[in-house]
Amino acid sequence: VAGLIGHLITATRPKGDHLRLVGRSRSATVAGELLSQV
């Protein structure tokens, strides 16, 4: 089950913001967002 959920998170995360937001403890700066995409 953990492996399946891990795969679903990895496959789904690039499609929206929700999973990124729930995994964060604070907001990212513009520079942080830029590098995270690269």
PDB file of all heavy atoms in Angstrom:
ATOM      1  N   VAL A   1       0.832  -1.206   0.000  1.00  0.00           N
ATOM      2  CA  VAL A   1       0.000   0.000   0.000  1.00  0.00           C
ATOM      3  C   VAL A   1       0.868   1.258   0.000  1.00  0.00           C
ATOM      4  O   VAL A   1       0.595   2.226  -0.727  1.00  0.00           O
ATOM      5  CB  VAL A   1      -0.956  -0.005   1.206  1.00  0.00           C
ATOM      6  CG1 VAL A   1      -1.680   1.334   1.327  1.00  0.00           C
ATOM      7  CG2 VAL A   1      -1.966  -1.135   1.077  1.00  0.00           C
ATOM      8  N   ALA A   2       1.929   1.273   0.804  1.00  0.00           N
ATOM      9  CA  ALA A   2       2.825   2.433   0.848  1.00  0.00           C
ATOM     10  C   ALA A   2       3.478   2.677  -0.503  1.00  0.00           C
ATOM     11  O   ALA A   2       3.604   3.823  -0.956  1.00  0.00           O
ATOM     12  CB  ALA A   2       3.898   2.234   1.923  1.00  0.00           C
ATOM     13  N   GLY A   3       3.897   1.598  -1.172  1.00  0.00           N
ATOM     14  CA  GLY A   3       4.490   1.754  -2.497  1.00  0.00           C
ATOM     15  C   GLY A   3       3.512   2.303  -3.503  1.00  0.00           C
ATOM     16  O   GLY A   3       3.854   3.139  -4.344  1.00  0.00           O
ATOM     17  N   LEU A   4       2.252   1.822  -3.438  1.00  0.00           N
ATOM     18  CA  LEU A   4       1.228   2.319  -4.360  1.00  0.00           C
ATOM     19  C   LEU A   4       0.951   3.796  -4.131  1.00  0.00           C
ATOM     20  O   LEU A   4       0.872   4.593  -5.085  1.00  0.00           O
ATOM     21  CB  LEU A   4      -0.054   1.510  -4.173  1.00  0.00           C
ATOM     22  CG  LEU A   4      -1.270   1.973  -4.990  1.00  0.00           C
ATOM     23  CD1 LEU A   4      -0.978   1.908  -6.479  1.00  0.00           C
ATOM     24  CD2 LEU A   4      -2.510   1.138  -4.636  1.00  0.00           C
ATOM     25  N   ILE A   5       0.820   4.194  -2.856  1.00  0.00           N
ATOM     26  CA  ILE A   5       0.562   5.602  -2.549  1.00  0.00           C
ATOM     27  C   ILE A   5       1.753   6.471  -2.978  1.00  0.00           C
ATOM     28  O   ILE A   5       1.571   7.564  -3.520  1.00  0.00           O
ATOM     29  CB  ILE A   5       0.267   5.781  -1.047  1.00  0.00           C
ATOM     30  CG1 ILE A   5      -1.033   5.058  -0.684  1.00  0.00           C
ATOM     31  CG2 ILE A   5       0.165   7.264  -0.694  1.00  0.00           C
ATOM     32  CD1 ILE A   5      -1.334   5.054   0.803  1.00  0.00           C
ATOM     33  N   GLY A   6       2.979   5.982  -2.750  1.00  0.00           N
ATOM     34  CA  GLY A   6       4.154   6.729  -3.187  1.00  0.00           C
ATOM     35  C   GLY A   6       4.162   6.947  -4.684  1.00  0.00           C
ATOM     36  O   GLY A   6       4.491   8.032  -5.175  1.00  0.00           O
ATOM     37  N   HIS A   7       3.790   5.901  -5.434  1.00  0.00           N
ATOM     38  CA  HIS A   7       3.728   6.031  -6.898  1.00  0.00           C
ATOM     39  C   HIS A   7       2.652   7.030  -7.308  1.00  0.00           C
ATOM     40  O   HIS A   7       2.873   7.871  -8.197  1.00  0.00           O
ATOM     41  CB  HIS A   7       3.445   4.674  -7.519  1.00  0.00           C
ATOM     42  CG  HIS A   7       3.220   4.726  -9.002  1.00  0.00           C
ATOM     43  ND1 HIS A   7       4.244   4.985  -9.900  1.00  0.00           N
ATOM     44  CD2 HIS A   7       2.086   4.594  -9.745  1.00  0.00           C
ATOM     45  CE1 HIS A   7       3.752   4.994 -11.131  1.00  0.00           C
ATOM     46  NE2 HIS A   7       2.457   4.765 -11.060  1.00  0.00           N
ATOM     47  N   LEU A   8       1.486   6.977  -6.663  1.00  0.00           N
ATOM     48  CA  LEU A   8       0.403   7.902  -7.007  1.00  0.00           C
ATOM     49  C   LEU A   8       0.796   9.350  -6.709  1.00  0.00           C
ATOM     50  O   LEU A   8       0.488  10.265  -7.480  1.00  0.00           O
ATOM     51  CB  LEU A   8      -0.859   7.530  -6.236  1.00  0.00           C
ATOM     52  CG  LEU A   8      -1.537   6.219  -6.654  1.00  0.00           C
ATOM     53  CD1 LEU A   8      -2.672   5.878  -5.702  1.00  0.00           C
ATOM     54  CD2 LEU A   8      -2.054   6.318  -8.089  1.00  0.00           C
ATOM     55  N   ILE A   9       1.473   9.571  -5.582  1.00  0.00           N
ATOM     56  CA  ILE A   9       1.915  10.926  -5.247  1.00  0.00           C
ATOM     57  C   ILE A   9       2.890  11.446  -6.301  1.00  0.00           C
ATOM     58  O   ILE A   9       2.771  12.573  -6.778  1.00  0.00           O
ATOM     59  CB  ILE A   9       2.566  10.943  -3.847  1.00  0.00           C
ATOM     60  CG1 ILE A   9       1.504  10.732  -2.768  1.00  0.00           C
ATOM     61  CG2 ILE A   9       3.317  12.252  -3.605  1.00  0.00           C
ATOM     62  CD1 ILE A   9       2.079  10.577  -1.369  1.00  0.00           C
ATOM     63  N   THR A  10       3.874  10.621  -6.666  1.00  0.00           N
ATOM     64  CA  THR A  10       4.877  11.040  -7.645  1.00  0.00           C
ATOM     65  C   THR A  10       4.244  11.337  -8.996  1.00  0.00           C
ATOM     66  O   THR A  10       4.616  12.304  -9.673  1.00  0.00           O
ATOM     67  CB  THR A  10       5.958   9.951  -7.794  1.00  0.00           C
ATOM     68  OG1 THR A  10       6.550   9.705  -6.505  1.00  0.00           O
ATOM     69  CG2 THR A  10       7.037  10.383  -8.760  1.00  0.00           C
ATOM     70  N   ALA A  11       3.278  10.514  -9.401  1.00  0.00           N
ATOM     71  CA  ALA A  11       2.639  10.700 -10.708  1.00  0.00           C
ATOM     72  C   ALA A  11       1.680  11.883 -10.729  1.00  0.00           C
ATOM     73  O   ALA A  11       1.508  12.541 -11.761  1.00  0.00           O
ATOM     74  CB  ALA A  11       1.898   9.429 -11.102  1.00  0.00           C
ATOM     75  N   THR A  12       1.069  12.171  -9.576  1.00  0.00           N
ATOM     76  CA  THR A  12       0.027  13.202  -9.526  1.00  0.00           C
ATOM     77  C   THR A  12       0.567  14.584  -9.183  1.00  0.00           C
ATOM     78  O   THR A  12       0.022  15.602  -9.615  1.00  0.00           O
ATOM     79  CB  THR A  12      -1.044  12.802  -8.489  1.00  0.00           C
ATOM     80  OG1 THR A  12      -1.533  11.498  -8.795  1.00  0.00           O
ATOM     81  CG2 THR A  12      -2.207  13.786  -8.484  1.00  0.00           C
ATOM     82  N   ARG A  13       1.639  14.663  -8.427  1.00  0.00           N
ATOM     83  CA  ARG A  13       2.152  15.944  -7.926  1.00  0.00           C
ATOM     84  C   ARG A  13       2.400  16.987  -9.007  1.00  0.00           C
ATOM     85  O   ARG A  13       2.067  18.167  -8.815  1.00  0.00           O
ATOM     86  CB  ARG A  13       3.425  15.698  -7.113  1.00  0.00           C
ATOM     87  CG  ARG A  13       3.953  16.924  -6.387  1.00  0.00           C
ATOM     88  CD  ARG A  13       4.980  16.521  -5.348  1.00  0.00           C
ATOM     89  NE  ARG A  13       5.907  15.524  -5.874  1.00  0.00           N
ATOM     90  CZ  ARG A  13       6.678  14.766  -5.095  1.00  0.00           C
ATOM     91  NH1 ARG A  13       6.618  14.872  -3.783  1.00  0.00           N
ATOM     92  NH2 ARG A  13       7.515  13.895  -5.631  1.00  0.00           N
ATOM     93  N   PRO A  14       2.958  16.633 -10.174  1.00  0.00           N
ATOM     94  CA  PRO A  14       3.211  17.673 -11.187  1.00  0.00           C
ATOM     95  C   PRO A  14       1.950  18.283 -11.801  1.00  0.00           C
ATOM     96  O   PRO A  14       2.039  19.308 -12.476  1.00  0.00           O
ATOM     97  CB  PRO A  14       4.014  16.914 -12.268  1.00  0.00           C
ATOM     98  CG  PRO A  14       4.571  15.710 -11.581  1.00  0.00           C
ATOM     99  CD  PRO A  14       3.539  15.337 -10.578  1.00  0.00           C
ATOM    100  N   LYS A  15       0.786  17.670 -11.562  1.00  0.00           N
ATOM    101  CA  LYS A  15      -0.438  18.115 -12.224  1.00  0.00           C
ATOM    102  C   LYS A  15      -1.156  19.229 -11.480  1.00  0.00           C
ATOM    103  O   LYS A  15      -2.127  19.801 -11.993  1.00  0.00           O
ATOM    104  CB  LYS A  15      -1.386  16.925 -12.410  1.00  0.00           C
ATOM    105  CG  LYS A  15      -0.779  15.794 -13.235  1.00  0.00           C
ATOM    106  CD  LYS A  15      -1.706  14.596 -13.288  1.00  0.00           C
ATOM    107  CE  LYS A  15      -1.066  13.443 -14.053  1.00  0.00           C
ATOM    108  NZ  LYS A  15      -1.937  12.244 -14.088  1.00  0.00           N
ATOM    109  N   GLY A  16      -0.737  19.531 -10.262  1.00  0.00           N
ATOM    110  CA  GLY A  16      -1.425  20.562  -9.494  1.00  0.00           C
ATOM    111  C   GLY A  16      -0.598  21.026  -8.314  1.00  0.00           C
ATOM    112  O   GLY A  16       0.554  20.622  -8.141  1.00  0.00           O
ATOM    113  N   ASP A  17      -1.210  21.861  -7.472  1.00  0.00           N
ATOM    114  CA  ASP A  17      -0.507  22.446  -6.336  1.00  0.00           C
ATOM    115  C   ASP A  17      -0.797  21.754  -5.006  1.00  0.00           C
ATOM    116  O   ASP A  17      -0.025  21.899  -4.056  1.00  0.00           O
ATOM    117  CB  ASP A  17      -0.878  23.927  -6.188  1.00  0.00           C
ATOM    118  CG  ASP A  17      -0.333  24.777  -7.321  1.00  0.00           C
ATOM    119  OD1 ASP A  17       0.671  24.370  -7.934  1.00  0.00           O
ATOM    120  OD2 ASP A  17      -0.914  25.843  -7.589  1.00  0.00           O
ATOM    121  N   HIS A  18      -1.904  21.030  -4.918  1.00  0.00           N
ATOM    122  CA  HIS A  18      -2.362  20.543  -3.615  1.00  0.00           C
ATOM    123  C   HIS A  18      -1.312  19.689  -2.909  1.00  0.00           C
ATOM    124  O   HIS A  18      -1.000  19.921  -1.729  1.00  0.00           O
ATOM    125  CB  HIS A  18      -3.665  19.749  -3.772  1.00  0.00           C
ATOM    126  CG  HIS A  18      -4.156  19.174  -2.479  1.00  0.00           C
ATOM    127  ND1 HIS A  18      -4.670  19.970  -1.456  1.00  0.00           N
ATOM    128  CD2 HIS A  18      -4.197  17.888  -2.013  1.00  0.00           C
ATOM    129  CE1 HIS A  18      -5.004  19.199  -0.435  1.00  0.00           C
ATOM    130  NE2 HIS A  18      -4.737  17.943  -0.742  1.00  0.00           N
ATOM    131  N   LEU A  19      -0.757  18.693  -3.602  1.00  0.00           N
ATOM    132  CA  LEU A  19       0.195  17.801  -2.942  1.00  0.00           C
ATOM    133  C   LEU A  19       1.473  18.535  -2.549  1.00  0.00           C
ATOM    134  O   LEU A  19       2.099  18.209  -1.534  1.00  0.00           O
ATOM    135  CB  LEU A  19       0.520  16.619  -3.851  1.00  0.00           C
ATOM    136  CG  LEU A  19      -0.609  15.603  -4.025  1.00  0.00           C
ATOM    137  CD1 LEU A  19      -0.231  14.545  -5.055  1.00  0.00           C
ATOM    138  CD2 LEU A  19      -0.958  14.949  -2.698  1.00  0.00           C
ATOM    139  N   ARG A  20       1.869  19.507  -3.349  1.00  0.00           N
ATOM    140  CA  ARG A  20       3.042  20.306  -2.974  1.00  0.00           C
ATOM    141  C   ARG A  20       2.755  21.107  -1.704  1.00  0.00           C
ATOM    142  O   ARG A  20       3.606  21.229  -0.822  1.00  0.00           O
ATOM    143  CB  ARG A  20       3.427  21.250  -4.108  1.00  0.00           C
ATOM    144  CG  ARG A  20       3.868  20.549  -5.387  1.00  0.00           C
ATOM    145  CD  ARG A  20       4.286  21.576  -6.437  1.00  0.00           C
ATOM    146  NE  ARG A  20       4.561  20.953  -7.724  1.00  0.00           N
ATOM    147  CZ  ARG A  20       5.723  20.401  -8.067  1.00  0.00           C
ATOM    148  NH1 ARG A  20       6.713  20.406  -7.195  1.00  0.00           N
ATOM    149  NH2 ARG A  20       5.886  19.854  -9.251  1.00  0.00           N
ATOM    150  N   LEU A  21       1.548  21.675  -1.617  1.00  0.00           N
ATOM    151  CA  LEU A  21       1.218  22.517  -0.480  1.00  0.00           C
ATOM    152  C   LEU A  21       1.116  21.722   0.815  1.00  0.00           C
ATOM    153  O   LEU A  21       1.607  22.164   1.868  1.00  0.00           O
ATOM    154  CB  LEU A  21      -0.102  23.255  -0.752  1.00  0.00           C
ATOM    155  CG  LEU A  21      -0.056  24.308  -1.869  1.00  0.00           C
ATOM    156  CD1 LEU A  21      -1.441  24.870  -2.122  1.00  0.00           C
ATOM    157  CD2 LEU A  21       0.912  25.423  -1.512  1.00  0.00           C
ATOM    158  N   VAL A  22       0.491  20.544   0.773  1.00  0.00           N
ATOM    159  CA  VAL A  22       0.342  19.773   2.008  1.00  0.00           C
ATOM    160  C   VAL A  22       1.677  19.202   2.476  1.00  0.00           C
ATOM    161  O   VAL A  22       1.828  18.844   3.649  1.00  0.00           O
ATOM    162  CB  VAL A  22      -0.679  18.625   1.839  1.00  0.00           C
ATOM    163  CG1 VAL A  22      -2.050  19.183   1.530  1.00  0.00           C
ATOM    164  CG2 VAL A  22      -0.234  17.638   0.769  1.00  0.00           C
ATOM    165  N   GLY A  23       2.651  19.144   1.582  1.00  0.00           N
ATOM    166  CA  GLY A  23       3.967  18.657   1.964  1.00  0.00           C
ATOM    167  C   GLY A  23       4.900  19.738   2.466  1.00  0.00           C
ATOM    168  O   GLY A  23       6.039  19.453   2.836  1.00  0.00           O
ATOM    169  N   ARG A  24       4.429  20.988   2.488  1.00  0.00           N
ATOM    170  CA  ARG A  24       5.279  22.094   2.913  1.00  0.00           C
ATOM    171  C   ARG A  24       4.945  22.539   4.330  1.00  0.00           C
ATOM    172  O   ARG A  24       3.801  22.483   4.763  1.00  0.00           O
ATOM    173  CB  ARG A  24       5.098  23.288   1.973  1.00  0.00           C
ATOM    174  CG  ARG A  24       5.661  23.057   0.576  1.00  0.00           C
ATOM    175  CD  ARG A  24       5.471  24.280  -0.296  1.00  0.00           C
ATOM    176  NE  ARG A  24       6.115  24.102  -1.593  1.00  0.00           N
ATOM    177  CZ  ARG A  24       6.128  25.025  -2.547  1.00  0.00           C
ATOM    178  NH1 ARG A  24       5.543  26.197  -2.346  1.00  0.00           N
ATOM    179  NH2 ARG A  24       6.729  24.793  -3.700  1.00  0.00           N
ATOM    180  N   SER A  25       5.968  23.013   5.009  1.00  0.00           N
ATOM    181  CA  SER A  25       5.768  23.574   6.339  1.00  0.00           C
ATOM    182  C   SER A  25       5.726  25.098   6.311  1.00  0.00           C
ATOM    183  O   SER A  25       5.431  25.723   7.326  1.00  0.00           O
ATOM    184  CB  SER A  25       6.883  23.105   7.282  1.00  0.00           C
ATOM    185  OG  SER A  25       8.156  23.504   6.787  1.00  0.00           O
ATOM    186  N   ARG A  26       6.034  25.692   5.174  1.00  0.00           N
ATOM    187  CA  ARG A  26       5.984  27.148   5.012  1.00  0.00           C
ATOM    188  C   ARG A  26       5.969  27.477   3.524  1.00  0.00           C
ATOM    189  O   ARG A  26       6.144  26.598   2.674  1.00  0.00           O
ATOM    190  CB  ARG A  26       7.182  27.831   5.667  1.00  0.00           C
ATOM    191  CG  ARG A  26       8.517  27.243   5.300  1.00  0.00           C
ATOM    192  CD  ARG A  26       9.663  28.173   5.602  1.00  0.00           C
ATOM    193  NE  ARG A  26       9.674  29.310   4.670  1.00  0.00           N
ATOM    194  CZ  ARG A  26      10.725  30.128   4.541  1.00  0.00           C
ATOM    195  NH1 ARG A  26      11.803  29.945   5.286  1.00  0.00           N
ATOM    196  NH2 ARG A  26      10.699  31.115   3.685  1.00  0.00           N
ATOM    197  N   SER A  27       5.746  28.755   3.216  1.00  0.00           N
ATOM    198  CA  SER A  27       5.710  29.184   1.824  1.00  0.00           C
ATOM    199  C   SER A  27       7.126  29.281   1.258  1.00  0.00           C
ATOM    200  O   SER A  27       8.090  29.513   1.995  1.00  0.00           O
ATOM    201  CB  SER A  27       5.025  30.552   1.708  1.00  0.00           C
ATOM    202  OG  SER A  27       3.687  30.474   2.169  1.00  0.00           O
ATOM    203  N   ALA A  28       7.231  29.095  -0.036  1.00  0.00           N
ATOM    204  CA  ALA A  28       8.523  29.214  -0.710  1.00  0.00           C
ATOM    205  C   ALA A  28       8.668  30.608  -1.309  1.00  0.00           C
ATOM    206  O   ALA A  28       7.690  31.242  -1.714  1.00  0.00           O
ATOM    207  CB  ALA A  28       8.644  28.169  -1.811  1.00  0.00           C
ATOM    208  N   THR A  29       9.890  31.101  -1.372  1.00  0.00           N
ATOM    209  CA  THR A  29      10.162  32.363  -2.045  1.00  0.00           C
ATOM    210  C   THR A  29      10.127  32.157  -3.554  1.00  0.00           C
ATOM    211  O   THR A  29      10.076  31.019  -4.048  1.00  0.00           O
ATOM    212  CB  THR A  29      11.545  32.905  -1.653  1.00  0.00           C
ATOM    213  OG1 THR A  29      12.547  31.970  -2.099  1.00  0.00           O
ATOM    214  CG2 THR A  29      11.652  33.076  -0.143  1.00  0.00           C
ATOM    215  N   VAL A  30      10.171  33.252  -4.290  1.00  0.00           N
ATOM    216  CA  VAL A  30      10.195  33.151  -5.751  1.00  0.00           C
ATOM    217  C   VAL A  30      11.425  32.383  -6.210  1.00  0.00           C
ATOM    218  O   VAL A  30      11.350  31.521  -7.091  1.00  0.00           O
ATOM    219  CB  VAL A  30      10.159  34.561  -6.386  1.00  0.00           C
ATOM    220  CG1 VAL A  30      10.303  34.465  -7.907  1.00  0.00           C
ATOM    221  CG2 VAL A  30       8.860  35.278  -6.027  1.00  0.00           C
ATOM    222  N   ALA A  31      12.582  32.682  -5.601  1.00  0.00           N
ATOM    223  CA  ALA A  31      13.811  31.974  -5.974  1.00  0.00           C
ATOM    224  C   ALA A  31      13.698  30.486  -5.660  1.00  0.00           C
ATOM    225  O   ALA A  31      14.144  29.630  -6.439  1.00  0.00           O
ATOM    226  CB  ALA A  31      15.007  32.578  -5.246  1.00  0.00           C
ATOM    227  N   GLY A  32      13.085  30.163  -4.518  1.00  0.00           N
ATOM    228  CA  GLY A  32      12.904  28.764  -4.156  1.00  0.00           C
ATOM    229  C   GLY A  32      12.001  28.034  -5.124  1.00  0.00           C
ATOM    230  O   GLY A  32      12.260  26.889  -5.508  1.00  0.00           O
ATOM    231  N   GLU A  33      10.906  28.687  -5.532  1.00  0.00           N
ATOM    232  CA  GLU A  33      10.002  28.082  -6.518  1.00  0.00           C
ATOM    233  C   GLU A  33      10.715  27.868  -7.847  1.00  0.00           C
ATOM    234  O   GLU A  33      10.551  26.832  -8.502  1.00  0.00           O
ATOM    235  CB  GLU A  33       8.778  28.976  -6.727  1.00  0.00           C
ATOM    236  CG  GLU A  33       7.809  29.015  -5.575  1.00  0.00           C
ATOM    237  CD  GLU A  33       6.941  27.762  -5.494  1.00  0.00           C
ATOM    238  OE1 GLU A  33       7.180  26.805  -6.264  1.00  0.00           O
ATOM    239  OE2 GLU A  33       6.037  27.751  -4.643  1.00  0.00           O
ATOM    240  N   LEU A  34      11.504  28.851  -8.252  1.00  0.00           N
ATOM    241  CA  LEU A  34      12.206  28.763  -9.526  1.00  0.00           C
ATOM    242  C   LEU A  34      13.138  27.547  -9.555  1.00  0.00           C
ATOM    243  O   LEU A  34      13.090  26.731 -10.487  1.00  0.00           O
ATOM    244  CB  LEU A  34      13.004  30.045  -9.768  1.00  0.00           C
ATOM    245  CG  LEU A  34      13.894  30.076 -11.017  1.00  0.00           C
ATOM    246  CD1 LEU A  34      13.044  30.040 -12.279  1.00  0.00           C
ATOM    247  CD2 LEU A  34      14.764  31.343 -11.009  1.00  0.00           C
ATOM    248  N   LEU A  35      13.968  27.428  -8.536  1.00  0.00           N
ATOM    249  CA  LEU A  35      14.928  26.331  -8.527  1.00  0.00           C
ATOM    250  C   LEU A  35      14.248  24.974  -8.372  1.00  0.00           C
ATOM    251  O   LEU A  35      14.707  23.975  -8.932  1.00  0.00           O
ATOM    252  CB  LEU A  35      15.942  26.535  -7.405  1.00  0.00           C
ATOM    253  CG  LEU A  35      17.102  27.466  -7.765  1.00  0.00           C
ATOM    254  CD1 LEU A  35      17.902  27.824  -6.534  1.00  0.00           C
ATOM    255  CD2 LEU A  35      18.016  26.824  -8.803  1.00  0.00           C
ATOM    256  N   SER A  36      13.143  24.926  -7.632  1.00  0.00           N
ATOM    257  CA  SER A  36      12.462  23.645  -7.430  1.00  0.00           C
ATOM    258  C   SER A  36      11.933  23.075  -8.734  1.00  0.00           C
ATOM    259  O   SER A  36      11.776  21.856  -8.864  1.00  0.00           O
ATOM    260  CB  SER A  36      11.317  23.807  -6.424  1.00  0.00           C
ATOM    261  OG  SER A  36      10.246  24.556  -6.981  1.00  0.00           O
ATOM    262  N   GLN A  37      11.647  23.953  -9.703  1.00  0.00           N
ATOM    263  CA  GLN A  37      11.154  23.487 -10.996  1.00  0.00           C
ATOM    264  C   GLN A  37      12.277  23.049 -11.924  1.00  0.00           C
ATOM    265  O   GLN A  37      12.028  22.400 -12.945  1.00  0.00           O
ATOM    266  CB  GLN A  37      10.345  24.600 -11.676  1.00  0.00           C
ATOM    267  CG  GLN A  37       9.150  25.079 -10.885  1.00  0.00           C
ATOM    268  CD  GLN A  37       8.201  23.949 -10.524  1.00  0.00           C
ATOM    269  OE1 GLN A  37       7.779  23.185 -11.384  1.00  0.00           O
ATOM    270  NE2 GLN A  37       7.873  23.832  -9.248  1.00  0.00           N
ATOM    271  N   VAL A  38      13.502  23.399 -11.601  1.00  0.00           N
ATOM    272  CA  VAL A  38      14.645  23.111 -12.472  1.00  0.00           C
ATOM    273  C   VAL A  38      15.427  21.884 -12.009  1.00  0.00           C
ATOM    274  O   VAL A  38      15.927  21.112 -12.836  1.00  0.00           O
ATOM    275  CB  VAL A  38      15.587  24.338 -12.536  1.00  0.00           C
ATOM    276  CG1 VAL A  38      16.865  24.022 -13.292  1.00  0.00           C
ATOM    277  CG2 VAL A  38      14.865  25.516 -13.183  1.00  0.00           C
TER     278      VAL A  38
END
